[in-house]
Amino acid sequence: MLKAKRWIISKYNSLYLKIFLSFLATCVLFFAGLFLFWNYYFTDLFYKDKIELLEKRNVEVTRLMNSVQDGTITTRELKYTIRILARSINGQVWLVDDKGNILNGSSDSEGRGIPKQMDALFIDGLHGHSGYGMVALTMPDGRNVNLFTYHAPSQLNGQPMVIILHFPAGDISEAISAVRVNIMVPLLFSLLAVGFILFIISRKLAGPLQQMNRAALELAHGDFTTRVPITSQDEVGQLAASFNFMVEQLEGWEGTRQEFLTNVSHELRSPLTTLRGFIVAMNDKVIPEDKYSHYLRICDQEVQRLQRLVTDLLDLAQIQNGVDVFRMRPVNMAETLEDSLELLKAPIALKHISLHLILPDPLKEPGQVQLDPDRFAQIVQNLIYNSLKFTPEGGTLTVALEIQEQEVILYIRDTGTGMTEAELARIWDRFYKADEARTSRSDVATGTGLGLTIVKHLVTGMQGTIQVHSRVGEGTEFRVAFPRIPSDIHNFFTS
């Protein structure tokens, strides 16, 4: 019983069932309203024709009664003429006096009282009103007969009279029933057809949504291979395609996350293992005391490496999450570049590398860009240190600035070992390190593999672009471009 109840609730909560029932209820209400309208229209049409006929016969009976009062015709002639009029309506015509007795008419009921069921109509006629209505009579043989009755006030020889015309309503009822059937049957077939179409449409609309629901649950359990079939090109199909794209992106991000965790674990494990090994060795007196200073320097280098790694990771996380890392303002890129290079001249000179700085003509209009000066300095520093790592002693490092109409471009070229196409495709990846066998010196501090990744995010975060060109044995060139501030806007802010 509980399972059945849960099944009913689950079905009731189904989206396609709600869509189907909602549209079906709307169609049922529409068809019901249509049936009521046509039923009322044809019923009124049938009764309207009969009422007009009875009103015409009432006028003719009134004229005959006036003729009797004028002496033009006799009472006997009145009776025969009324019978002819009664045949024309397939019913009866009664002339009823103020006592409720039939004074004259088309039947042999003269002198008898009218049926009690007609008393209300009779009294209404005595009060000078005319009208019509349905009267149910029980015949002597037990049959129930419905009479459509019309009454109207009149006078005969100065005495108030009520003219009552009536006929069996069976013909009208049969005609109306036939019309109702002719209306109802097509409407029922139309409703069934519409219901079937609505069922198909609702299943088609809700089917992909149900599949997406199941796929989302599988995705929540870690299954990134699930996909939703795309069966149409409409909005539902586009939603399914977007869902599949989202799953593909999540699958890629999950792979990146796993690779990130693996790389972080590896990068942390190496210096920690080294530190622990030296500490244990010194505690166990495996390393002589006179060698402590040498191994402590190695431990210090490993600690610094850990510090750089943690700092770069935190910096990258802030940049990727957009945590208020940029302090943008208009700057002169040439001046900012010169300030950044001042801090790098010592390590460049230490490696005996020639630095060539090429700047635009200072007399020309300066290249103003919207930058964070500190972050720009970090970009220059990371790119310069990357070049120093792969440029041998005696090499050349060229830093050039070019001002174009729409952008300002920074070039950093070295004469280092260069990179292969495979390395170029991965230099922006986190923790990726080029072949360290090609570094210029063995004593160069090992990088964290995050420098160029940080550069990429910093450049794009400041609305810039970065490109790299390299050939093995010839060197590498980085091209960093930022949108230039138009001179009229710059003059407006500086004036």
Protein backbone atom coordinates (compact mmCIF):
# COMPACT_ATOMS: atom_id res chain seq x y z
CA MET A 1 0.00 0.00 0.00
CA LEU A 2 2.84 2.37 0.89
CA LYS A 3 4.66 1.54 -2.33
CA ALA A 4 1.50 2.18 -4.33
CA LYS A 5 1.04 5.52 -2.57
CA ARG A 6 4.64 6.51 -3.31
CA TRP A 7 4.21 5.47 -6.94
CA ILE A 8 1.06 7.61 -7.24
CA ILE A 9 2.81 10.58 -5.62
CA SER A 10 5.83 10.20 -7.89
CA LYS A 11 3.59 10.05 -10.94
CA TYR A 12 1.59 13.05 -9.75
CA ASN A 13 4.81 15.01 -9.31
CA SER A 14 5.94 14.10 -12.81
CA LEU A 15 6.38 17.15 -15.01
CA TYR A 16 5.03 15.56 -18.16
CA LEU A 17 1.90 14.41 -16.28
CA LYS A 18 1.37 17.94 -14.96
CA ILE A 19 1.77 19.37 -18.46
CA PHE A 20 -0.57 16.75 -19.91
CA LEU A 21 -3.26 17.20 -17.25
CA SER A 22 -3.03 20.99 -17.38
CA PHE A 23 -3.49 21.14 -21.14
CA LEU A 24 -6.12 18.40 -21.04
CA ALA A 25 -8.13 20.26 -18.38
CA THR A 26 -7.94 23.39 -20.51
CA CYS A 27 -9.19 21.50 -23.56
CA VAL A 28 -11.99 19.84 -21.54
CA LEU A 29 -13.15 23.23 -20.28
CA PHE A 30 -12.98 24.66 -23.78
CA PHE A 31 -14.95 21.78 -25.34
CA ALA A 32 -17.48 21.85 -22.49
CA GLY A 33 -18.01 25.57 -23.04
CA LEU A 34 -18.33 24.97 -26.77
CA PHE A 35 -20.91 22.24 -26.17
CA LEU A 36 -22.94 24.43 -23.80
CA PHE A 37 -22.88 27.29 -26.29
CA TRP A 38 -24.08 25.21 -29.23
CA ASN A 39 -26.64 23.42 -27.07
CA TYR A 40 -28.07 26.74 -25.88
CA TYR A 41 -27.96 28.15 -29.40
CA PHE A 42 -29.89 25.29 -31.06
CA THR A 43 -32.30 24.88 -28.13
CA ASP A 44 -33.15 28.56 -28.29
CA LEU A 45 -33.43 28.33 -32.05
CA PHE A 46 -35.98 25.47 -31.91
CA TYR A 47 -38.08 27.06 -29.18
CA LYS A 48 -37.89 30.47 -30.81
CA ASP A 49 -39.52 29.13 -33.97
CA LYS A 50 -42.28 27.44 -31.95
CA ILE A 51 -42.89 30.58 -29.86
CA GLU A 52 -43.25 32.69 -33.02
CA LEU A 53 -45.70 30.15 -34.44
CA LEU A 54 -47.78 30.13 -31.24
CA GLU A 55 -47.79 33.93 -31.13
CA LYS A 56 -49.12 34.02 -34.69
CA ARG A 57 -51.85 31.49 -33.86
CA ASN A 58 -52.76 33.52 -30.78
CA VAL A 59 -53.26 36.60 -32.97
CA GLU A 60 -55.50 34.59 -35.28
CA VAL A 61 -57.54 33.25 -32.34
CA THR A 62 -57.93 36.79 -31.00
CA ARG A 63 -59.24 37.93 -34.38
CA LEU A 64 -61.74 35.07 -34.43
CA MET A 65 -62.98 36.02 -30.95
CA ASN A 66 -63.42 39.60 -32.11
CA SER A 67 -65.39 38.32 -35.08
CA VAL A 68 -67.64 36.37 -32.71
CA GLN A 69 -68.26 39.54 -30.69
CA ASP A 70 -69.05 41.42 -33.92
CA GLY A 71 -71.47 38.69 -34.97
CA THR A 72 -69.48 37.95 -38.11
CA ILE A 73 -69.11 34.27 -37.22
CA THR A 74 -70.93 32.00 -34.81
CA THR A 75 -69.57 30.13 -31.83
CA ARG A 76 -69.84 26.89 -33.81
CA GLU A 77 -67.72 28.35 -36.61
CA LEU A 78 -65.25 29.57 -34.01
CA LYS A 79 -64.90 26.01 -32.70
CA TYR A 80 -64.22 24.53 -36.14
CA THR A 81 -61.73 27.26 -37.04
CA ILE A 82 -59.89 26.79 -33.75
CA ARG A 83 -59.59 23.06 -34.47
CA ILE A 84 -57.99 23.86 -37.80
CA LEU A 85 -55.52 26.19 -36.06
CA ALA A 86 -54.80 23.46 -33.48
CA ARG A 87 -53.92 21.02 -36.24
CA SER A 88 -51.44 23.56 -37.64
CA ILE A 89 -49.50 23.45 -34.38
CA ASN A 90 -50.11 19.72 -33.86
CA GLY A 91 -51.61 20.54 -30.46
CA GLN A 92 -54.63 22.08 -28.72
CA VAL A 93 -56.10 25.56 -28.39
CA TRP A 94 -58.24 26.36 -25.33
CA LEU A 95 -60.35 29.38 -24.48
CA VAL A 96 -60.46 29.43 -20.68
CA ASP A 97 -62.87 31.65 -18.68
CA ASP A 98 -62.02 33.38 -15.43
CA LYS A 99 -63.13 30.31 -13.45
CA GLY A 100 -60.50 28.08 -15.09
CA ASN A 101 -63.03 26.18 -17.19
CA ILE A 102 -62.52 25.49 -20.86
CA LEU A 103 -65.21 27.55 -22.61
CA ASN A 104 -64.31 26.65 -26.16
CA GLY A 105 -61.46 24.97 -27.92
CA SER A 106 -60.15 22.41 -30.32
CA SER A 107 -60.87 19.43 -28.06
CA ASP A 108 -64.03 17.97 -26.57
CA SER A 109 -63.13 19.30 -23.13
CA GLU A 110 -65.63 22.19 -23.01
CA GLY A 111 -66.91 22.74 -19.51
CA ARG A 112 -64.00 20.98 -17.86
CA GLY A 113 -61.34 22.66 -15.77
CA ILE A 114 -57.81 22.98 -16.98
CA PRO A 115 -55.17 20.70 -15.42
CA LYS A 116 -53.80 21.93 -12.11
CA GLN A 117 -50.28 21.99 -13.56
CA MET A 118 -51.44 24.92 -15.77
CA ASP A 119 -52.83 27.00 -12.88
CA ALA A 120 -49.74 29.18 -12.64
CA LEU A 121 -49.88 30.01 -16.34
CA PHE A 122 -53.64 30.62 -16.15
CA ILE A 123 -53.32 33.04 -13.21
CA ASP A 124 -50.49 34.87 -14.98
CA GLY A 125 -52.78 35.27 -18.02
CA LEU A 126 -55.63 36.65 -15.91
CA HIS A 127 -53.23 39.32 -14.65
CA GLY A 128 -52.75 40.48 -18.23
CA HIS A 129 -49.41 38.77 -18.93
CA SER A 130 -48.43 36.49 -21.76
CA GLY A 131 -45.68 33.90 -21.72
CA TYR A 132 -44.67 30.32 -22.30
CA GLY A 133 -43.38 27.37 -20.35
CA MET A 134 -43.07 23.59 -20.09
CA VAL A 135 -45.85 21.69 -18.28
CA ALA A 136 -45.55 18.02 -17.30
CA LEU A 137 -48.89 16.12 -17.35
CA THR A 138 -49.76 12.57 -16.39
CA MET A 139 -52.21 11.04 -18.86
CA PRO A 140 -55.04 8.69 -17.81
CA ASP A 141 -53.08 5.74 -19.17
CA GLY A 142 -50.16 6.68 -16.88
CA ARG A 143 -47.94 8.21 -19.51
CA ASN A 144 -45.99 11.36 -18.66
CA VAL A 145 -46.27 14.03 -21.34
CA ASN A 146 -44.40 17.31 -21.53
CA LEU A 147 -46.44 20.13 -23.10
CA PHE A 148 -44.97 23.33 -24.44
CA THR A 149 -47.59 25.90 -23.49
CA TYR A 150 -48.24 29.48 -24.51
CA HIS A 151 -50.78 31.72 -22.71
CA ALA A 152 -52.10 35.19 -23.43
CA PRO A 153 -54.93 37.36 -21.96
CA SER A 154 -58.05 38.14 -23.99
CA GLN A 155 -61.79 39.00 -23.68
CA LEU A 156 -65.01 37.56 -25.05
CA ASN A 157 -68.29 39.49 -24.72
CA GLY A 158 -66.73 41.65 -22.01
CA GLN A 159 -65.59 38.68 -19.92
CA PRO A 160 -61.88 38.10 -19.22
CA MET A 161 -60.47 35.06 -20.95
CA VAL A 162 -57.09 33.30 -21.22
CA ILE A 163 -56.02 31.76 -24.50
CA ILE A 164 -53.87 28.65 -23.95
CA LEU A 165 -52.09 26.98 -26.84
CA HIS A 166 -50.05 23.85 -26.20
CA PHE A 167 -48.56 20.90 -28.01
CA PRO A 168 -46.46 17.89 -27.02
CA ALA A 169 -42.81 18.80 -26.68
CA GLY A 170 -41.59 15.34 -27.65
CA ASP A 171 -40.72 16.41 -31.19
CA ILE A 172 -38.66 19.32 -29.96
CA SER A 173 -36.95 17.17 -27.31
CA GLU A 174 -36.07 14.55 -29.92
CA ALA A 175 -34.74 17.19 -32.29
CA ILE A 176 -32.71 18.81 -29.51
CA SER A 177 -31.39 15.40 -28.38
CA ALA A 178 -30.34 14.64 -31.95
CA VAL A 179 -28.57 17.97 -32.19
CA ARG A 180 -26.84 17.37 -28.85
CA VAL A 181 -25.60 13.99 -30.05
CA ASN A 182 -24.37 15.52 -33.30
CA ILE A 183 -22.50 18.13 -31.29
CA MET A 184 -21.18 15.84 -28.56
CA VAL A 185 -19.82 13.00 -30.71
CA PRO A 186 -17.44 15.17 -32.82
CA LEU A 187 -16.38 17.04 -29.69
CA LEU A 188 -15.59 13.78 -27.89
CA PHE A 189 -13.55 12.49 -30.83
CA SER A 190 -11.77 15.84 -31.05
CA LEU A 191 -11.07 15.72 -27.31
CA LEU A 192 -9.62 12.21 -27.60
CA ALA A 193 -7.44 13.27 -30.55
CA VAL A 194 -6.26 16.38 -28.72
CA GLY A 195 -5.61 14.34 -25.57
CA PHE A 196 -3.47 11.87 -27.53
CA ILE A 197 -1.54 14.70 -29.18
CA LEU A 198 -1.04 16.42 -25.82
CA PHE A 199 0.21 13.16 -24.30
CA ILE A 200 2.80 12.77 -27.07
CA ILE A 201 3.88 16.42 -26.84
CA SER A 202 4.11 16.38 -23.04
CA ARG A 203 6.19 13.20 -23.12
CA LYS A 204 8.42 14.72 -25.78
CA LEU A 205 8.87 17.89 -23.73
CA ALA A 206 9.42 16.18 -20.39
CA GLY A 207 11.38 13.15 -21.65
CA PRO A 208 14.71 14.99 -22.11
CA LEU A 209 14.18 16.71 -18.75
CA GLN A 210 13.77 13.33 -17.07
CA GLN A 211 16.88 12.09 -18.82
CA MET A 212 18.75 15.19 -17.66
CA ASN A 213 17.56 14.55 -14.12
CA ARG A 214 18.91 10.99 -14.21
CA ALA A 215 22.13 12.21 -15.83
CA ALA A 216 22.52 14.90 -13.14
CA LEU A 217 22.16 12.26 -10.42
CA GLU A 218 24.77 10.08 -12.14
CA LEU A 219 26.98 13.14 -12.49
CA ALA A 220 26.61 13.85 -8.76
CA HIS A 221 27.92 10.33 -8.09
CA GLY A 222 31.02 11.01 -10.19
CA ASP A 223 30.02 9.46 -13.52
CA PHE A 224 31.23 11.98 -16.13
CA THR A 225 30.52 9.65 -19.06
CA THR A 226 26.76 10.25 -18.93
CA ARG A 227 25.19 12.20 -21.79
CA VAL A 228 21.65 13.25 -22.74
CA PRO A 229 20.47 12.25 -26.25
CA ILE A 230 19.65 15.26 -28.45
CA THR A 231 16.43 14.43 -30.31
CA SER A 232 15.45 17.90 -31.58
CA GLN A 233 16.84 21.30 -32.45
CA ASP A 234 14.30 23.32 -30.45
CA GLU A 235 14.75 24.86 -26.99
CA VAL A 236 14.61 21.45 -25.29
CA GLY A 237 17.25 20.11 -27.67
CA GLN A 238 19.40 23.17 -27.04
CA LEU A 239 19.03 22.60 -23.30
CA ALA A 240 20.17 18.99 -23.74
CA ALA A 241 23.15 20.16 -25.81
CA SER A 242 24.03 22.74 -23.13
CA PHE A 243 23.79 20.05 -20.45
CA ASN A 244 26.15 17.78 -22.41
CA PHE A 245 28.56 20.71 -22.88
CA MET A 246 28.42 21.38 -19.15
CA VAL A 247 29.24 17.72 -18.42
CA GLU A 248 32.18 17.88 -20.83
CA GLN A 249 33.45 21.02 -19.10
CA LEU A 250 33.02 19.42 -15.68
CA GLU A 251 34.84 16.34 -16.91
CA GLY A 252 37.70 18.53 -18.08
CA TRP A 253 37.73 20.47 -14.83
CA GLU A 254 37.70 17.25 -12.84
CA GLY A 255 40.68 16.02 -14.81
CA THR A 256 42.42 19.33 -14.24
CA ARG A 257 41.60 19.16 -10.54
CA GLN A 258 43.01 15.65 -10.25
CA GLU A 259 46.13 16.69 -12.15
CA PHE A 260 46.42 19.79 -9.94
CA LEU A 261 46.20 17.71 -6.76
CA THR A 262 48.75 15.25 -8.13
CA ASN A 263 51.14 18.04 -9.08
CA VAL A 264 50.72 19.85 -5.76
CA SER A 265 51.30 16.61 -3.88
CA HIS A 266 54.41 15.91 -5.93
CA GLU A 267 55.76 19.46 -5.56
CA LEU A 268 55.19 19.40 -1.80
CA ARG A 269 56.43 15.86 -1.29
CA SER A 270 59.87 16.44 -2.86
CA PRO A 271 61.09 19.28 -0.58
CA LEU A 272 59.39 17.77 2.47
CA THR A 273 61.06 14.44 1.83
CA THR A 274 64.41 16.19 1.44
CA LEU A 275 63.92 18.20 4.63
CA ARG A 276 62.87 15.15 6.66
CA GLY A 277 65.77 13.09 5.31
CA PHE A 278 68.35 15.69 6.29
CA ILE A 279 66.76 16.29 9.70
CA VAL A 280 66.67 12.55 10.49
CA ALA A 281 70.23 12.14 9.23
CA MET A 282 71.46 14.97 11.46
CA ASN A 283 69.53 13.65 14.47
CA ASP A 284 70.99 10.18 13.94
CA LYS A 285 74.51 11.67 13.55
CA VAL A 286 74.75 10.18 10.08
CA ILE A 287 75.87 13.61 8.83
CA PRO A 288 78.99 14.90 10.59
CA GLU A 289 78.56 18.10 12.55
CA ASP A 290 81.08 19.93 10.41
CA LYS A 291 78.71 19.35 7.42
CA TYR A 292 75.64 20.75 9.19
CA SER A 293 76.00 24.23 7.71
CA HIS A 294 76.11 22.84 4.16
CA TYR A 295 72.98 20.73 4.59
CA LEU A 296 71.19 23.49 6.49
CA ARG A 297 71.69 25.72 3.45
CA ILE A 298 70.09 23.01 1.32
CA CYS A 299 67.19 22.82 3.78
CA ASP A 300 66.83 26.60 3.61
CA GLN A 301 66.63 26.42 -0.18
CA GLU A 302 63.92 23.77 0.06
CA VAL A 303 61.98 25.89 2.56
CA GLN A 304 62.24 28.87 0.21
CA ARG A 305 61.00 26.64 -2.58
CA LEU A 306 57.98 25.69 -0.44
CA GLN A 307 57.36 29.36 0.33
CA ARG A 308 57.46 30.27 -3.37
CA LEU A 309 55.08 27.41 -4.17
CA VAL A 310 52.56 28.39 -1.50
CA THR A 311 52.81 32.08 -2.45
CA ASP A 312 52.26 31.31 -6.14
CA LEU A 313 49.33 29.00 -5.35
CA LEU A 314 47.63 31.65 -3.22
CA ASP A 315 48.33 34.32 -5.82
CA LEU A 316 46.92 32.14 -8.62
CA ALA A 317 43.82 31.29 -6.58
CA GLN A 318 43.15 34.98 -5.93
CA ILE A 319 43.60 35.85 -9.60
CA GLN A 320 41.35 33.02 -10.82
CA ASN A 321 38.64 33.81 -8.26
CA GLY A 322 38.77 37.55 -9.00
CA VAL A 323 39.28 38.47 -5.35
CA ASP A 324 40.04 42.17 -5.74
CA VAL A 325 43.53 41.61 -7.15
CA PHE A 326 43.67 44.50 -9.64
CA ARG A 327 44.08 48.22 -8.86
CA MET A 328 43.52 49.56 -12.35
CA ARG A 329 44.45 53.10 -13.33
CA PRO A 330 45.84 54.89 -16.40
CA VAL A 331 49.63 54.52 -16.54
CA ASN A 332 52.44 55.35 -18.91
CA MET A 333 53.57 51.87 -19.93
CA ALA A 334 57.10 52.97 -20.88
CA GLU A 335 57.76 54.52 -17.47
CA THR A 336 56.26 51.52 -15.67
CA LEU A 337 58.43 49.17 -17.74
CA GLU A 338 61.63 51.10 -16.91
CA ASP A 339 60.79 51.02 -13.20
CA SER A 340 60.24 47.26 -13.35
CA LEU A 341 63.52 46.61 -15.16
CA GLU A 342 65.51 48.58 -12.56
CA LEU A 343 64.89 45.78 -10.07
CA LEU A 344 65.97 43.11 -12.58
CA LYS A 345 69.27 44.54 -13.75
CA ALA A 346 71.23 42.82 -10.98
CA PRO A 347 70.15 39.22 -11.74
CA ILE A 348 70.56 39.94 -15.46
CA ALA A 349 74.09 41.19 -14.94
CA LEU A 350 74.84 38.25 -12.63
CA LYS A 351 74.31 35.89 -15.58
CA HIS A 352 76.40 38.09 -17.89
CA ILE A 353 73.48 38.59 -20.26
CA SER A 354 73.25 41.72 -22.40
CA LEU A 355 70.02 43.68 -21.95
CA HIS A 356 68.73 45.79 -24.85
CA LEU A 357 65.84 48.11 -24.02
CA ILE A 358 63.96 49.64 -26.96
CA LEU A 359 61.44 52.34 -26.08
CA PRO A 360 59.34 54.65 -28.27
CA ASP A 361 60.41 58.22 -29.00
CA PRO A 362 59.70 60.16 -25.78
CA LEU A 363 58.75 63.24 -27.84
CA LYS A 364 55.82 61.42 -29.36
CA GLU A 365 52.52 60.89 -27.63
CA PRO A 366 53.01 58.37 -24.76
CA GLY A 367 51.24 55.04 -24.73
CA GLN A 368 48.67 55.23 -21.95
CA VAL A 369 47.01 51.98 -20.85
CA GLN A 370 44.65 50.93 -18.06
CA LEU A 371 46.79 48.73 -15.81
CA ASP A 372 47.62 47.70 -12.29
CA PRO A 373 51.30 48.79 -12.09
CA ASP A 374 52.21 46.19 -9.45
CA ARG A 375 50.65 43.35 -11.45
CA PHE A 376 52.33 44.60 -14.62
CA ALA A 377 55.66 44.54 -12.80
CA GLN A 378 54.90 40.95 -11.75
CA ILE A 379 54.27 40.03 -15.42
CA VAL A 380 57.58 41.55 -16.51
CA GLN A 381 59.43 39.88 -13.62
CA ASN A 382 58.03 36.41 -14.33
CA LEU A 383 58.79 36.66 -18.06
CA ILE A 384 62.32 37.96 -17.46
CA TYR A 385 63.14 35.22 -14.94
CA ASN A 386 61.75 32.62 -17.35
CA SER A 387 64.07 33.95 -20.07
CA LEU A 388 67.04 34.01 -17.71
CA LYS A 389 66.46 30.38 -16.80
CA PHE A 390 66.84 29.17 -20.41
CA THR A 391 69.35 31.73 -21.73
CA PRO A 392 73.05 30.78 -21.44
CA GLU A 393 75.71 33.19 -20.19
CA GLY A 394 76.70 35.73 -22.80
CA GLY A 395 73.26 35.66 -24.35
CA THR A 396 71.08 38.61 -25.21
CA LEU A 397 67.76 39.73 -23.74
CA THR A 398 65.75 42.30 -25.70
CA VAL A 399 62.86 44.22 -24.18
CA ALA A 400 60.96 46.40 -26.67
CA LEU A 401 57.83 48.56 -26.43
CA GLU A 402 55.73 49.44 -29.48
CA ILE A 403 52.89 51.95 -29.47
CA GLN A 404 50.17 51.36 -32.06
CA GLU A 405 46.92 53.19 -32.65
CA GLN A 406 44.75 50.69 -30.76
CA GLU A 407 47.19 48.99 -28.38
CA VAL A 408 50.58 49.09 -26.71
CA ILE A 409 52.74 45.99 -27.23
CA LEU A 410 55.58 44.66 -25.04
CA TYR A 411 58.13 42.27 -26.61
CA ILE A 412 60.54 40.17 -24.55
CA ARG A 413 63.02 38.22 -26.68
CA ASP A 414 65.86 35.98 -25.57
CA THR A 415 68.54 33.94 -27.28
CA GLY A 416 67.96 30.90 -25.13
CA THR A 417 67.44 27.25 -25.94
CA GLY A 418 63.91 27.77 -27.27
CA MET A 419 60.98 25.38 -27.05
CA THR A 420 59.46 22.63 -29.14
CA GLU A 421 55.87 22.73 -30.44
CA ALA A 422 54.82 20.28 -27.74
CA GLU A 423 56.28 22.52 -25.04
CA LEU A 424 54.66 25.62 -26.53
CA ALA A 425 51.28 23.94 -26.33
CA ARG A 426 51.65 23.40 -22.58
CA ILE A 427 53.60 26.34 -21.20
CA TRP A 428 50.45 27.94 -19.73
CA ASP A 429 49.50 24.77 -17.82
CA ARG A 430 49.91 24.76 -14.06
CA PHE A 431 53.08 23.02 -12.78
CA TYR A 432 54.35 22.42 -16.30
CA LYS A 433 58.11 22.70 -16.54
CA ALA A 434 60.14 22.58 -19.72
CA ASP A 435 62.98 20.14 -20.04
CA GLU A 436 65.32 21.16 -17.21
CA ALA A 437 68.22 19.50 -19.02
CA ARG A 438 68.16 22.51 -21.36
CA THR A 439 68.45 25.15 -18.63
CA SER A 440 71.50 27.31 -18.86
CA ARG A 441 72.91 26.50 -15.42
CA SER A 442 72.55 23.76 -12.90
CA ASP A 443 72.54 26.16 -9.97
CA VAL A 444 69.48 28.04 -11.16
CA ALA A 445 66.68 27.77 -8.60
CA THR A 446 64.04 25.34 -9.68
CA GLY A 447 60.76 27.06 -10.50
CA THR A 448 57.31 26.10 -9.30
CA GLY A 449 55.82 25.75 -12.76
CA LEU A 450 53.24 28.44 -11.96
CA GLY A 451 54.97 31.58 -13.21
CA LEU A 452 53.68 31.56 -16.78
CA THR A 453 50.24 30.41 -15.62
CA ILE A 454 50.06 33.47 -13.35
CA VAL A 455 51.26 35.68 -16.24
CA LYS A 456 48.48 34.35 -18.49
CA HIS A 457 45.77 35.07 -15.92
CA LEU A 458 47.17 38.50 -15.07
CA VAL A 459 47.29 39.57 -18.71
CA THR A 460 43.77 38.38 -19.50
CA GLY A 461 42.51 39.83 -16.20
CA MET A 462 43.70 43.28 -17.33
CA GLN A 463 42.00 42.87 -20.75
CA GLY A 464 45.28 42.10 -22.51
CA THR A 465 46.53 39.33 -24.81
CA ILE A 466 49.72 37.29 -24.73
CA GLN A 467 51.38 35.22 -27.44
CA VAL A 468 54.61 33.27 -27.63
CA HIS A 469 56.86 32.25 -30.53
CA SER A 470 59.88 29.99 -30.12
CA ARG A 471 62.26 27.82 -32.06
CA VAL A 472 64.68 25.31 -30.59
CA GLY A 473 68.22 26.68 -30.50
CA GLU A 474 67.15 30.21 -31.53
CA GLY A 475 65.26 31.57 -28.52
CA THR A 476 61.79 32.64 -27.47
CA GLU A 477 59.71 35.80 -27.89
CA PHE A 478 56.73 36.79 -25.72
CA ARG A 479 54.29 39.38 -27.09
CA VAL A 480 52.04 41.10 -24.51
CA ALA A 481 49.48 43.66 -25.76
CA PHE A 482 47.12 45.93 -23.82
CA PRO A 483 44.37 48.22 -25.18
CA ARG A 484 45.57 51.79 -25.52
CA ILE A 485 43.58 54.61 -23.92
CA PRO A 486 42.51 57.12 -26.63
CA SER A 487 44.32 60.44 -26.25
CA ASP A 488 41.11 62.49 -25.94
CA ILE A 489 39.89 60.37 -22.99
CA HIS A 490 43.31 60.50 -21.32
CA ASN A 491 43.48 64.28 -21.71
CA PHE A 492 40.00 64.60 -20.19
CA PHE A 493 41.04 62.73 -17.01
CA THR A 494 44.41 64.45 -16.68
CA SER A 495 43.18 67.99 -17.35
